[in-house]
Protein backbone atom coordinates (compact mmCIF):
# COMPACT_ATOMS: atom_id res chain seq x y z
CA MET A 1 -27.43 130.24 -8.44
CA ALA A 2 -27.32 126.93 -6.60
CA GLU A 3 -24.18 124.86 -6.75
CA ALA A 4 -24.38 121.97 -9.21
CA LYS A 5 -24.88 118.49 -7.82
CA VAL A 6 -21.83 116.24 -8.24
CA TYR A 7 -22.17 112.64 -9.47
CA ARG A 8 -19.70 109.79 -9.64
CA LEU A 9 -19.40 107.84 -12.87
CA GLU A 10 -20.78 104.81 -11.01
CA ASP A 11 -23.96 106.82 -10.31
CA VAL A 12 -24.29 107.57 -14.01
CA LYS A 13 -23.67 103.93 -14.96
CA ALA A 14 -26.53 102.88 -12.69
CA HIS A 15 -28.93 104.88 -14.87
CA ASN A 16 -28.76 102.56 -17.85
CA ILE A 17 -32.32 101.23 -17.67
CA SER A 18 -33.99 101.38 -21.07
CA LYS A 19 -37.26 99.56 -20.39
CA GLY A 20 -40.08 99.51 -17.90
CA GLU A 21 -41.40 101.98 -15.37
CA LYS A 22 -37.94 102.61 -13.95
CA LYS A 23 -36.60 103.74 -17.34
CA SER A 24 -33.67 106.07 -16.69
CA ILE A 25 -30.98 107.07 -19.16
CA TRP A 26 -28.14 109.29 -17.99
CA THR A 27 -25.03 110.18 -19.94
CA VAL A 28 -21.93 112.34 -19.57
CA ILE A 29 -20.89 114.89 -22.16
CA HIS A 30 -17.87 117.07 -21.46
CA ASP A 31 -17.85 116.19 -17.75
CA LYS A 32 -21.47 117.26 -17.31
CA VAL A 33 -24.20 114.78 -16.37
CA TYR A 34 -27.47 114.74 -18.30
CA ASP A 35 -30.70 112.85 -17.68
CA ILE A 36 -31.82 112.34 -21.28
CA THR A 37 -34.70 109.99 -20.47
CA PRO A 38 -37.40 112.50 -21.57
CA PHE A 39 -35.57 113.07 -24.87
CA LEU A 40 -35.49 109.43 -26.00
CA ASP A 41 -38.65 109.68 -28.13
CA GLU A 42 -37.64 113.03 -29.62
CA HIS A 43 -34.04 112.32 -30.66
CA PRO A 44 -33.77 112.66 -34.47
CA GLY A 45 -31.26 109.80 -34.62
CA GLY A 46 -33.54 107.46 -32.70
CA GLU A 47 -33.48 106.34 -29.09
CA GLU A 48 -31.13 103.42 -29.81
CA ILE A 49 -28.04 105.60 -30.05
CA LEU A 50 -28.89 107.31 -26.77
CA ILE A 51 -29.42 103.97 -25.06
CA GLU A 52 -26.08 102.71 -26.42
CA ASN A 53 -24.35 105.68 -24.75
CA ALA A 54 -26.30 105.42 -21.49
CA GLY A 55 -24.15 105.40 -18.39
CA LEU A 56 -21.05 106.34 -20.36
CA ASP A 57 -18.97 109.38 -21.19
CA ALA A 58 -20.41 110.08 -24.64
CA SER A 59 -18.35 113.22 -25.33
CA GLU A 60 -16.41 111.76 -28.24
CA ASN A 61 -19.48 110.23 -29.87
CA PHE A 62 -21.39 113.48 -29.41
CA GLU A 63 -18.62 115.45 -31.14
CA ASP A 64 -18.09 112.87 -33.90
CA VAL A 65 -21.67 113.29 -35.07
CA GLY A 66 -21.23 117.04 -35.39
CA HIS A 67 -24.28 118.21 -33.44
CA SER A 68 -25.64 121.64 -34.26
CA SER A 69 -25.58 124.63 -31.93
CA ASP A 70 -29.31 124.03 -31.34
CA ALA A 71 -28.60 120.49 -30.14
CA ARG A 72 -25.90 121.82 -27.83
CA GLU A 73 -28.34 124.36 -26.37
CA MET A 74 -30.92 121.62 -25.83
CA LEU A 75 -28.47 119.85 -23.53
CA ASN A 76 -29.16 122.56 -20.95
CA ASP A 77 -32.72 121.24 -20.59
CA TYR A 78 -31.41 117.84 -19.46
CA TYR A 79 -28.45 118.98 -17.32
CA ILE A 80 -28.56 117.57 -13.78
CA GLY A 81 -25.02 118.11 -12.48
CA GLU A 82 -21.28 117.78 -12.81
CA LEU A 83 -19.08 114.72 -12.90
CA HIS A 84 -16.90 114.17 -9.79
CA GLU A 85 -13.34 115.51 -10.09
CA ASP A 86 -11.86 111.99 -9.93
CA ASP A 87 -13.97 110.87 -12.90
CA LYS A 88 -13.53 113.91 -15.14
CA THR A 89 -11.73 113.48 -18.45
CA GLY A 90 -11.18 117.17 -19.09
CA SER A 91 -12.92 117.14 -22.45
CA THR A 92 -14.25 120.48 -23.60
CA ASP A 93 -17.05 121.48 -25.92
CA ALA A 94 -15.49 122.19 -29.30
CA GLY A 95 -18.66 123.82 -30.57
CA PRO A 96 -20.57 122.88 -33.69
CA LYS A 97 -18.58 121.70 -36.67
CA SER A 98 -18.21 124.26 -39.40
CA TRP A 99 -18.95 122.18 -42.46
CA GLY A 100 -18.03 124.99 -44.84
CA SER A 101 -14.49 125.55 -43.58
CA GLY A 102 -12.81 122.94 -45.78
CA PRO A 103 -10.73 123.65 -48.84
CA THR A 104 -12.51 125.62 -51.48
CA VAL A 105 -12.73 124.53 -55.08
CA ALA A 106 -11.67 127.00 -57.72
CA PRO A 107 -14.54 128.14 -59.95
CA ALA A 108 -14.74 126.25 -63.22
CA GLN A 109 -13.36 127.93 -66.30
CA GLU A 110 -15.91 129.24 -68.68
CA SER A 111 -16.10 126.77 -71.51
CA SER A 112 -16.48 127.78 -75.10
CA TRP A 113 -19.23 126.89 -77.53
CA ILE A 114 -16.90 124.30 -79.03
CA SER A 115 -16.86 122.12 -75.94
CA ASN A 116 -20.55 122.80 -75.19
CA TYR A 117 -22.01 122.17 -78.65
CA LEU A 118 -19.52 121.15 -81.32
CA VAL A 119 -17.90 118.20 -79.53
CA PRO A 120 -21.19 116.55 -78.45
CA MET A 121 -22.71 117.11 -81.89
CA THR A 122 -19.65 115.57 -83.58
CA ILE A 123 -19.89 112.54 -81.31
CA ALA A 124 -23.63 112.21 -82.00
CA ALA A 125 -23.02 112.41 -85.75
CA ALA A 126 -20.28 109.76 -85.54
CA VAL A 127 -22.58 107.45 -83.58
CA ALA A 128 -25.37 107.96 -86.13
CA VAL A 129 -23.04 107.12 -89.05
CA ALA A 130 -21.72 104.04 -87.21
CA TYR A 131 -25.30 102.91 -86.48
CA ARG A 132 -26.31 103.22 -90.14
CA TYR A 133 -23.18 101.40 -91.26
CA VAL A 134 -23.64 98.50 -88.81
CA PHE A 135 -27.41 98.04 -89.20
CA SER A 136 -27.87 98.63 -92.91
């Protein structure tokens, strides 16, 4: 396998051209450099967010959104090299967020027929009596 090309952050910043024939959008995610220009039209969140992060280290923004494992795999298609040692932040890929790992809610108690039927029917009857009293 060939050794990855190394880019300085200044090189990445130079690829912040969002219009015209020279359109070129590069970004850094976890100290890896990606040319995401071909992905602009396909990004589910729209090209604007990619353009906003062009030429920058977008690691934090990438993680904050909670990209799926599929999105993380797609990065490989746009990988062009590594960030120079002097420019690296040392951020690491935390993996996709596990949305189901939060605190669990205890199952609701089974309610009796009193709370399901008797209470609402009593309220409905009271409203009907009040309606007749007020409007008669």
